[in-house]
Protein backbone atom coordinates (compact mmCIF):
# COMPACT_ATOMS: atom_id res chain seq x y z
CA UNK A 1 -16.53 0.94 -19.97
CA UNK A 2 -16.20 -1.30 -16.91
CA UNK A 3 -13.92 0.82 -14.68
CA UNK A 4 -11.00 -0.50 -12.67
CA UNK A 5 -12.52 0.99 -9.54
CA UNK A 6 -15.31 3.32 -8.49
CA UNK A 7 -15.48 4.68 -4.93
CA UNK A 8 -18.69 3.94 -3.06
CA UNK A 9 -19.90 6.92 -1.02
CA UNK A 10 -22.88 6.37 1.28
CA UNK A 11 -25.40 8.51 3.09
CA UNK A 12 -23.32 8.64 6.28
CA UNK A 13 -20.39 10.15 4.40
CA UNK A 14 -22.68 12.76 2.86
CA UNK A 15 -24.24 13.61 6.23
CA UNK A 16 -20.81 13.98 7.84
CA UNK A 17 -19.55 16.27 5.08
CA UNK A 18 -22.70 18.37 5.32
CA UNK A 19 -22.07 18.76 9.06
CA UNK A 20 -18.61 20.13 8.28
CA UNK A 21 -20.04 22.58 5.78
CA UNK A 22 -22.83 23.74 8.10
CA UNK A 23 -20.55 24.20 11.12
CA UNK A 24 -17.61 25.71 9.23
CA UNK A 25 -15.13 23.03 10.37
CA UNK A 26 -13.73 22.51 6.91
CA UNK A 27 -9.96 22.68 7.33
CA UNK A 28 -7.52 20.64 9.45
CA UNK A 29 -9.31 20.89 12.81
CA UNK A 30 -12.60 19.37 13.90
CA UNK A 31 -14.13 16.39 15.60
CA UNK A 32 -13.84 14.09 12.60
CA UNK A 33 -10.03 14.35 12.52
CA UNK A 34 -9.72 12.93 16.03
CA UNK A 35 -12.36 10.28 15.45
CA UNK A 36 -10.81 9.16 12.19
CA UNK A 37 -7.33 8.90 13.71
CA UNK A 38 -8.61 6.97 16.71
CA UNK A 39 -10.87 4.61 14.77
CA UNK A 40 -8.25 3.78 12.16
CA UNK A 41 -5.52 3.16 14.72
CA UNK A 42 -7.91 0.86 16.60
CA UNK A 43 -8.84 -0.96 13.39
CA UNK A 44 -5.13 -1.63 12.80
CA UNK A 45 -4.39 -2.67 16.37
CA UNK A 46 -2.16 0.36 17.00
CA UNK A 47 -2.28 3.03 19.72
CA UNK A 48 -1.84 6.20 17.68
CA UNK A 49 -3.02 7.51 14.32
CA UNK A 50 -1.65 10.62 12.61
CA UNK A 51 -3.74 11.75 9.63
CA UNK A 52 -1.91 13.34 6.70
CA UNK A 53 -2.68 14.62 3.22
CA UNK A 54 -1.95 11.39 1.32
CA UNK A 55 -0.10 8.09 1.50
CA UNK A 56 3.01 9.44 -0.21
CA UNK A 57 3.65 12.13 2.38
CA UNK A 58 2.90 9.59 5.10
CA UNK A 59 6.09 7.86 3.95
CA UNK A 60 8.03 11.13 4.09
CA UNK A 61 6.85 11.76 7.64
CA UNK A 62 7.61 8.19 8.71
CA UNK A 63 11.18 8.40 7.40
CA UNK A 64 11.80 11.73 9.14
CA UNK A 65 10.09 10.64 12.37
CA UNK A 66 12.49 7.70 12.60
CA UNK A 67 15.48 10.03 12.25
CA UNK A 68 16.63 8.53 8.94
CA UNK A 69 18.86 10.94 7.04
CA UNK A 70 21.92 11.57 4.95
CA UNK A 71 23.87 8.46 4.01
CA UNK A 72 21.55 6.04 5.80
CA UNK A 73 20.33 3.00 3.88
CA UNK A 74 16.78 1.69 3.78
CA UNK A 75 16.09 -1.73 2.29
CA UNK A 76 12.90 -1.87 0.22
CA UNK A 77 11.34 -3.81 -2.66
CA UNK A 78 11.99 -2.65 -6.19
CA UNK A 79 8.41 -3.59 -7.16
CA UNK A 80 6.27 -0.87 -5.62
CA UNK A 81 4.95 2.65 -6.10
CA UNK A 82 7.59 5.32 -6.69
CA UNK A 83 6.64 7.16 -3.47
CA UNK A 84 8.52 4.60 -1.38
CA UNK A 85 11.87 5.39 -2.98
CA UNK A 86 11.33 9.14 -3.29
CA UNK A 87 10.61 9.44 0.43
CA UNK A 88 13.96 7.80 1.19
CA UNK A 89 15.85 9.91 -1.34
CA UNK A 90 14.30 13.20 -0.18
CA UNK A 91 15.60 12.45 3.30
CA UNK A 92 19.11 12.13 1.87
CA UNK A 93 19.10 8.38 2.47
CA UNK A 94 19.76 5.58 0.00
CA UNK A 95 17.19 3.00 -1.13
CA UNK A 96 18.59 -0.52 -1.35
CA UNK A 97 16.45 -2.81 -3.48
CA UNK A 98 15.38 -6.44 -3.29
CA UNK A 99 13.43 -8.46 -5.85
CA UNK A 100 9.87 -9.78 -5.71
CA UNK A 101 8.76 -13.18 -4.52
CA UNK A 102 7.30 -15.04 -7.52
CA UNK A 103 4.18 -16.49 -5.87
CA UNK A 104 2.72 -13.44 -4.14
CA UNK A 105 4.61 -10.75 -6.13
CA UNK A 106 5.53 -9.15 -2.81
CA UNK A 107 8.92 -8.41 -1.31
CA UNK A 108 11.25 -11.43 -1.27
CA UNK A 109 12.19 -11.23 2.39
CA UNK A 110 14.81 -13.97 1.98
CA UNK A 111 16.99 -11.43 0.15
CA UNK A 112 17.01 -8.80 2.88
CA UNK A 113 19.82 -10.01 5.10
CA UNK A 114 22.42 -10.04 2.33
CA UNK A 115 21.66 -6.35 1.70
CA UNK A 116 22.26 -5.23 5.30
CA UNK A 117 25.38 -3.10 5.86
CA UNK A 118 26.73 -0.93 8.65
CA UNK A 119 24.73 1.97 7.16
CA UNK A 120 21.35 0.19 7.13
CA UNK A 121 18.84 1.91 9.38
CA UNK A 122 15.50 0.47 8.37
CA UNK A 123 13.57 -2.03 6.30
CA UNK A 124 10.60 -0.69 4.37
CA UNK A 125 8.18 -3.54 3.76
CA UNK A 126 5.48 -2.99 1.14
CA UNK A 127 2.46 -5.25 1.26
CA UNK A 128 1.54 -5.73 -2.40
CA UNK A 129 -1.92 -5.77 -4.01
CA UNK A 130 -3.75 -6.77 -0.83
CA UNK A 131 -1.52 -9.69 0.26
CA UNK A 132 0.68 -9.28 3.37
CA UNK A 133 4.43 -9.74 3.18
CA UNK A 134 5.92 -12.47 5.36
CA UNK A 135 6.71 -10.32 8.38
CA UNK A 136 8.12 -12.71 10.98
CA UNK A 137 11.49 -13.10 9.18
CA UNK A 138 11.66 -9.31 8.76
CA UNK A 139 10.93 -8.72 12.43
CA UNK A 140 13.62 -11.23 13.40
CA UNK A 141 16.19 -9.46 11.20
CA UNK A 142 15.20 -6.06 12.55
CA UNK A 143 15.71 -7.26 16.11
CA UNK A 144 19.04 -8.93 15.29
CA UNK A 145 20.51 -5.89 13.52
CA UNK A 146 18.73 -3.16 15.51
CA UNK A 147 16.78 -1.85 12.53
CA UNK A 148 13.46 -0.05 12.28
CA UNK A 149 10.54 -1.43 10.24
CA UNK A 150 8.32 0.79 8.12
CA UNK A 151 5.20 -0.95 6.84
CA UNK A 152 3.77 0.54 3.67
CA UNK A 153 0.28 -0.84 4.23
CA UNK A 154 -1.48 1.35 1.66
CA UNK A 155 -2.82 -1.67 -0.22
CA UNK A 156 -3.81 -3.93 2.68
CA UNK A 157 -6.61 -2.22 4.59
CA UNK A 158 -7.95 -4.95 6.88
CA UNK A 159 -5.54 -7.67 5.75
CA UNK A 160 -4.22 -10.09 8.37
CA UNK A 161 -0.98 -11.96 8.95
CA UNK A 162 -0.44 -15.15 10.97
CA UNK A 163 2.48 -14.30 13.24
CA UNK A 164 4.58 -16.67 15.39
CA UNK A 165 3.35 -19.62 13.38
CA UNK A 166 3.61 -23.03 15.01
CA UNK A 167 4.18 -21.63 18.50
CA UNK A 168 2.01 -21.03 21.54
CA UNK A 169 2.08 -17.33 20.65
CA UNK A 170 0.57 -17.85 17.17
CA UNK A 171 -1.99 -15.20 16.33
CA UNK A 172 -3.62 -13.40 13.43
CA UNK A 173 -2.59 -9.74 13.40
CA UNK A 174 -3.77 -6.87 11.25
CA UNK A 175 -1.29 -5.29 8.88
CA UNK A 176 -0.28 -1.93 10.29
CA UNK A 177 0.83 -3.23 13.69
CA UNK A 178 3.77 -5.35 12.51
CA UNK A 179 6.48 -2.69 12.39
CA UNK A 180 7.59 0.42 14.22
CA UNK A 181 5.38 2.61 12.05
CA UNK A 182 2.93 1.91 9.23
CA UNK A 183 1.65 4.16 6.49
CA UNK A 184 -1.68 4.08 4.70
CA UNK A 185 -3.23 5.72 1.67
CA UNK A 186 -6.91 6.59 1.42
CA UNK A 187 -6.88 7.34 -2.30
CA UNK A 188 -10.14 6.79 -4.17
CA UNK A 189 -9.29 3.23 -5.20
CA UNK A 190 -8.48 2.00 -1.67
CA UNK A 191 -10.78 -0.09 0.52
CA UNK A 192 -11.19 2.93 2.80
CA UNK A 193 -11.11 6.22 0.93
CA UNK A 194 -11.20 9.91 1.70
CA UNK A 195 -10.59 10.87 -1.95
CA UNK A 196 -7.01 11.77 -1.15
CA UNK A 197 -5.58 11.26 2.31
CA UNK A 198 -3.27 9.10 4.35
CA UNK A 199 -2.28 8.11 7.86
CA UNK A 200 0.59 6.86 9.95
CA UNK A 201 -0.13 4.43 12.77
CA UNK A 202 2.24 3.38 15.54
CA UNK A 203 2.21 2.21 19.12
CA UNK A 204 5.35 4.22 19.94
CA UNK A 205 4.38 7.54 21.54
CA UNK A 206 7.72 9.14 20.68
CA UNK A 207 7.27 8.35 16.97
CA UNK A 208 3.66 9.51 17.10
CA UNK A 209 4.52 12.84 18.72
CA UNK A 210 7.35 13.40 16.27
CA UNK A 211 5.16 12.59 13.27
CA UNK A 212 2.39 14.85 14.51
CA UNK A 213 4.83 17.76 14.76
CA UNK A 214 6.46 17.13 11.37
CA UNK A 215 3.16 17.06 9.50
CA UNK A 216 2.08 20.33 11.14
CA UNK A 217 5.04 22.63 10.35
CA UNK A 218 6.90 21.77 13.59
CA UNK A 219 5.24 24.49 15.63
CA UNK A 220 6.90 24.72 19.04
CA UNK A 221 4.62 23.49 21.84
CA UNK A 222 4.87 26.69 23.86
CA UNK A 223 5.00 29.21 21.01
CA UNK A 224 2.99 28.47 17.90
CA UNK A 225 5.02 30.48 15.39
CA UNK A 226 8.42 29.51 16.76
CA UNK A 227 10.14 26.75 14.78
CA UNK A 228 13.24 24.90 15.95
CA UNK A 229 13.22 22.81 12.77
CA UNK A 230 11.45 22.64 9.43
CA UNK A 231 8.28 20.65 9.04
CA UNK A 232 5.56 20.40 6.42
CA UNK A 233 1.92 21.26 5.97
CA UNK A 234 0.80 17.69 5.35
CA UNK A 235 -2.50 18.04 7.19
CA UNK A 236 -5.73 16.21 6.32
CA UNK A 237 -8.95 18.24 6.30
CA UNK A 238 -11.91 17.66 8.58
CA UNK A 239 -14.05 17.15 5.46
CA UNK A 240 -11.85 14.29 4.31
CA UNK A 241 -11.80 12.78 7.80
CA UNK A 242 -15.59 13.01 7.89
CA UNK A 243 -15.70 10.71 4.87
CA UNK A 244 -13.10 8.43 6.42
CA UNK A 245 -15.02 7.99 9.68
CA UNK A 246 -17.97 6.54 7.81
CA UNK A 247 -15.75 4.44 5.58
CA UNK A 248 -13.97 2.79 8.52
CA UNK A 249 -17.31 1.61 9.89
CA UNK A 250 -17.79 -0.47 6.73
CA UNK A 251 -14.28 -1.93 6.53
CA UNK A 252 -15.26 -5.51 7.37
CA UNK A 253 -18.09 -5.39 4.84
CA UNK A 254 -15.75 -4.06 2.15
CA UNK A 255 -13.15 -6.74 2.90
CA UNK A 256 -15.82 -9.45 2.53
CA UNK A 257 -16.89 -8.05 -0.83
CA UNK A 258 -13.29 -7.75 -2.07
CA UNK A 259 -12.68 -11.39 -1.22
CA UNK A 260 -15.92 -12.40 -2.96
CA UNK A 261 -14.84 -10.57 -6.11
CA UNK A 262 -11.44 -12.24 -6.10
CA UNK A 263 -12.89 -15.71 -5.55
CA UNK A 264 -15.36 -15.14 -8.37
CA UNK A 265 -12.56 -14.18 -10.77
CA UNK A 266 -10.48 -17.16 -9.71
CA UNK A 267 -13.37 -19.57 -10.25
CA UNK A 268 -13.82 -18.24 -13.79
CA UNK A 269 -10.14 -17.97 -14.75
CA UNK A 270 -8.49 -20.88 -12.94
CA UNK A 271 -8.63 -23.26 -15.90
CA UNK A 272 -6.88 -20.89 -18.30
CA UNK A 273 -3.38 -22.31 -18.42
CA UNK A 274 -1.94 -19.13 -19.94
CA UNK A 275 -2.51 -17.17 -16.71
CA UNK A 276 -0.89 -16.91 -13.31
CA UNK A 277 -3.50 -15.80 -10.79
CA UNK A 278 -3.18 -14.33 -7.29
CA UNK A 279 -2.37 -16.74 -4.49
CA UNK A 280 -3.20 -16.53 -0.81
CA UNK A 281 -0.60 -18.09 1.44
CA UNK A 282 -1.81 -20.09 4.46
CA UNK A 283 -0.34 -17.40 6.73
CA UNK A 284 -2.19 -14.53 5.05
CA UNK A 285 -5.72 -13.22 4.75
CA UNK A 286 -5.56 -11.11 1.62
CA UNK A 287 -8.00 -8.31 0.94
CA UNK A 288 -7.31 -8.44 -2.82
CA UNK A 289 -7.02 -4.69 -3.16
CA UNK A 290 -6.69 -5.44 -6.87
CA UNK A 291 -7.07 -8.67 -8.79
CA UNK A 292 -3.87 -9.08 -10.76
CA UNK A 293 -2.87 -11.64 -13.32
CA UNK A 294 0.38 -12.45 -15.08
CA UNK A 295 0.67 -13.83 -18.59
CA UNK A 296 2.78 -16.97 -18.82
CA UNK A 297 5.60 -17.13 -21.34
CA UNK A 298 3.44 -19.30 -23.62
CA UNK A 299 1.47 -16.14 -24.47
CA UNK A 300 3.08 -14.37 -27.40
CA UNK A 301 2.19 -10.83 -26.29
CA UNK A 302 2.72 -8.78 -23.13
CA UNK A 303 0.32 -7.20 -20.65
CA UNK A 304 0.21 -3.90 -22.53
CA UNK A 305 -1.16 -5.69 -25.57
CA UNK A 306 -3.72 -7.53 -23.45
CA UNK A 307 -4.78 -4.21 -21.93
CA UNK A 308 -5.43 -2.90 -25.43
CA UNK A 309 -7.53 -5.92 -26.34
CA UNK A 310 -9.60 -5.53 -23.18
CA UNK A 311 -10.01 -1.80 -23.73
CA UNK A 312 -11.48 -2.56 -27.15
CA UNK A 313 -14.11 -4.62 -25.32
CA UNK A 314 -14.94 -1.81 -22.91
CA UNK A 315 -12.84 -3.03 -19.97
CA UNK A 316 -10.43 -0.78 -18.11
CA UNK A 317 -7.24 -2.24 -16.62
CA UNK A 318 -4.04 -0.99 -15.01
CA UNK A 319 -0.46 -2.15 -15.55
CA UNK A 320 1.63 -3.58 -12.74
CA UNK A 321 4.28 -1.46 -11.08
CA UNK A 322 7.56 -0.88 -12.88
CA UNK A 323 10.57 -1.59 -10.68
CA UNK A 324 12.50 1.26 -9.11
CA UNK A 325 15.64 -0.01 -10.87
CA UNK A 326 13.94 0.81 -14.21
CA UNK A 327 12.86 4.35 -13.35
CA UNK A 328 14.65 6.99 -15.47
CA UNK A 329 14.39 9.58 -12.69
CA UNK A 330 16.51 7.41 -10.40
CA UNK A 331 18.94 6.27 -13.06
CA UNK A 332 19.66 9.93 -13.82
CA UNK A 333 20.73 10.29 -10.19
CA UNK A 334 23.17 7.43 -10.58
CA UNK A 335 21.09 5.07 -8.47
CA UNK A 336 20.89 1.32 -9.16
CA UNK A 337 23.53 1.49 -11.92
CA UNK A 338 24.47 -1.97 -13.09
CA UNK A 339 21.71 -3.59 -11.05
CA UNK A 340 19.29 -4.17 -13.92
CA UNK A 341 19.82 -7.94 -14.01
CA UNK A 342 19.30 -8.41 -10.28
CA UNK A 343 15.50 -8.24 -10.29
CA UNK A 344 14.22 -10.82 -12.79
CA UNK A 345 10.93 -11.49 -11.00
CA UNK A 346 10.00 -7.81 -10.79
CA UNK A 347 10.91 -7.31 -14.45
CA UNK A 348 8.84 -10.28 -15.53
CA UNK A 349 5.67 -9.35 -13.69
CA UNK A 350 6.02 -5.70 -14.68
CA UNK A 351 6.04 -6.71 -18.34
CA UNK A 352 3.43 -9.45 -18.16
CA UNK A 353 1.13 -8.33 -15.35
CA UNK A 354 -1.98 -6.18 -15.11
CA UNK A 355 -4.99 -5.96 -12.88
CA UNK A 356 -8.68 -6.16 -13.66
CA UNK A 357 -11.71 -4.15 -12.48
CA UNK A 358 -12.12 -4.85 -8.75
CA UNK A 359 -14.04 -1.96 -7.22
CA UNK A 360 -16.68 -3.06 -4.73
CA UNK A 361 -19.43 -1.67 -6.96
CA UNK A 362 -18.64 -4.21 -9.71
CA UNK A 363 -21.48 -6.67 -10.34
CA UNK A 364 -21.22 -10.42 -10.74
CA UNK A 365 -22.38 -9.99 -14.33
CA UNK A 366 -19.54 -7.55 -15.01
CA UNK A 367 -17.02 -9.95 -13.43
CA UNK A 368 -18.24 -12.66 -15.79
CA UNK A 369 -17.98 -10.26 -18.75
CA UNK A 370 -14.39 -9.40 -17.85
CA UNK A 371 -13.45 -13.04 -17.39
CA UNK A 372 -14.90 -14.03 -20.76
CA UNK A 373 -13.00 -11.21 -22.46
CA UNK A 374 -9.73 -12.26 -20.80
CA UNK A 375 -10.28 -15.85 -21.90
CA UNK A 376 -11.01 -14.85 -25.49
CA UNK A 377 -7.90 -12.71 -25.56
CA UNK A 378 -5.40 -15.27 -24.29
CA UNK A 379 -6.76 -18.61 -25.52
CA UNK A 380 -4.57 -19.72 -28.37
CA UNK A 381 -2.28 -16.70 -28.01
């Protein structure tokens, strides 16, 4: 089976973990925690990094650190991982959904303004599948309406966005520095991995201090076991950070390989008229976290059927996200009732999209094998 992704762990990671084991620094304190937080914040162009247990709880901490709570509204894309909506709901706030943009599959930022109300507190932007969202319009709206921006940057390690286009201030900026706070996941299939793990980055000291307290049980500064409010044990371990420190050093190398993999797939699949392939806008430098494709309507079957055909040929795939407006858990809560028809792009790509093996350990021969299998499956379908 050609896997969707395999983590690549090198000798530096192993040496760092062994140091933790030999010295006994195996829990949530140790030199690797500080180094990982500092190196990742620097890689993102932010001042502060706050390591946490995973990317999902990073969202919970970000929401709470911004003071978002009962009755507040947060605008977000429907097409994303469920963690984005659950973090909002757990805070007592209300997720307000927008559809996907059909070219990049990311958040359609042109729909945000019409969703803003007097209760809107923040915009949660999710960069999808390695391609940045168009952030300048979001930043302009946030400034105009006094809203906070949360970047879910879990899928865009190292990706860049061309900000202030066409002006003297035009510059390429790393995802993770384009909002008030950004969240990352270091799950095993991410460009930088710690197995499980996550981080918040921000350049706002107040947000950083608040997030650091929330993820560590809200111990009072002057009295460790005195708690003025409730926090969480969302700490990352020194062992995980030890892996992350080595992984960050190779980020640029991993990004180059991810882009090579994507370009190889595109070269092999571009002439298959039944497929929509990933695009890279002129204002984006995608890291192609995954290589997705969408079946055009001329294909008689959906992505689930294609996944079965590829599995029979020894190729593992993953389906695209299913929109939040289709999630039974949220419908049971009375959320998004009557909104089913409002997200046609997200519905279409959820039904007809999947992604192919794209781990950095994949060989060129395996890429060619996958491409041939995809072509056999969809030609004449």
